[in-house]
Amino acid sequence: MSMNFQFTLGNPKIRTTCYWAIVVFAALLRVLSLDRVPLGFWYDEAFYSLNALSIGRNHWPIFFVLDGHPAEPLFIYSLAAFFKLFGSTVFVARLHSAVWGTALVALMYPFAKRVVGERWALLACLVTAVFRWPLHFSRTVFRAILPPVFVLLVVIFFLRWREKRRLSDAVLCGASMGAGLYTYLSFRLVPLLWLGWVAWLWWRGEIRWRHDWRGLATIVFTCLIVFAPLGWDYLRNPMHFTGRMDEVSMFRKNVEIRQPDGSIKTEVLPKTPGEVVRDLASNAWAIVKMWTIRGDHVARHNLPHEPVFDWASGIVFYFGFVWCLWQAGRNEFAFLLPWWVVVFSLASVFSFGAPNILRMQGMIPAVVVIYVLGLRTLYELAVHWLRQPVRVLLISSLVVLFLVLQLDSYFRRFAQSPEMRREFLYDTFYKPALQVRGIAPQVNSVYVPADLGHHLTFRFLTHEVQNLQYYTVDADLPTTAPRHFAIVTTVPTISAAQERGRDLLAWLRRLRAEHHSTVPILVESATGTTEVPWTEVWVVR
């Protein structure tokens, strides 16, 4: 089957111009309304940002643990460099992800052109640019944005080594694989992906140990050398290696056990073999359904339960996947692409909450190319029934439908979603932090409830505020603080005070505190969504 689509794109200069136009378009999509979509700043985003701010002054960790959560270092160090260059703001943190996301679009071309030819590769870049899966994570601060970039580097350099057998490409392939292990947990699956690919090539006789052992050994050796510092850290601190896996493991369960005194205690216990098999099968089935039936439920990743594809685009994807399975014994990429999807699916199969598209981002390049293969297959099969202009119109219509639905889903439906607003803590922590930043320069001190002030989102957003003080309802309230000062109250703080027999609002009245501002929160009821006060700022002069 021909690997070239006869677009009339003219000479290579025109294709190069189109390529860079798509990359620029992708970059613009990744910064468009970046301060409003998504609205707020999630806990994990603040986690990476605070870790990035901690770097320097003799603190150069090879692994990060904050608030009990472990994280690999590469994303955090690159974010720290951005903060150093452009300042430590929410916009800069997300701009940093946008750069990585744009790099993914740019890298799609050298990979896709080897699979489907140069003309179809441009389409693969365009699809990646607007695909809401990579688009969303290019606009948020999650280290899981990195695996698709680094797995593409591994694949591209391995293909280059196969084409010319240059040792330099083997070194770059191994270095990319080793560096990728510094990105995110799911990248640990890439050596499995690569070994399966090598095994297929050996089975087909396209790799011969006698001639190719030096290149393969160079890839492995370089990977191990690059990975060695992190590997040594894992040996010294096993929790760094297993910590996050234990947090999301499908082999454990939380069980509530009643104690002799009648209290309930939650313990983590191993699942039975039957429970493990049942739950893994349930996760695998959830991943099968995510393409066109029922997607990720997490509103930080997606419109809750929105499938990856609409049905028309999903059928094209299925068409490409079936073509790959049909050709997998004869065509290298027909084997590689489904294998790639299966391997990265394991990141969600073996963790709770499947399907989790954040953990499976490493498969995005393969998913895009399979979709494009579906379009190409439809185009070529229709040659017997339709003239070329009609076939081009058909493919163009499918692509336009995909583009419109993806962009509408993200920039309109997702942007207006109340679930997204809640998940990104817009009302509960983001707006109160802005409220505190606004009042802080006007007073000597700002007193905030400890449960608000210690939350990572609030901490990052107020990290430059020097006059913050924390209080709890169990401690003495600031009656002798130098005037004038501000006090922030929240609904949970007032309720907690009442449970302890304290009237926080009456205490504020005795101080003759002046009400300064209120941040409301959206509350759903039987009559609809209404706003109720959540945090309030009071000033004591």
Foldseek 3Di string as FASTA:
>chain_A
DDLEDPDPQDDPVSLVVLLVVLLVLLLCLLLPPLPQFPDFAFLVLLVLLVLLVPDDPPDDDQWDADPRDTAFPPLSVLLNVQCVVPNRDLSSLLNSLSVLLSLLLSLQQLVLCVRRNNVLSSVLSNCSSLQLQSSLSSSHRDLLNPLQNLLSQLVNLVVVCLVPVDLVSLLSNLLSLLVSVRGDLLSVLSVVLVVVLVVLCVVVVSDDCVPCVVSVVNSNVSSCVSNVVVVVVCVVPVCNVCVVCVVFFLQWDWDWDQDPVRDTDIDIDGDDPVSSVVQLVVQVVLQVCQADHFHAQQLSRFPGRHHSFHPLLSVLLVQLLVVLVVCVNPDSLSVSLVSQQVSQSVQRSGGPRPPDSSSSVNSVSSSSSSSSSSLVVVLVVCVVPDDNVVSVVVSVVSSVVRSVVSNCRRVPVSSPDLSSCVNSCNQPQVVVLVVCVVCLVVWQAEEEEPVRCPRSSSCSSCVVRDRYHYDALVDDDPPPDPPKYKYKDFPVRQVVNVVVVHHPVVVCVVLVWAWDDFGWDWDQDPVGIDTDTGMTMTIRD
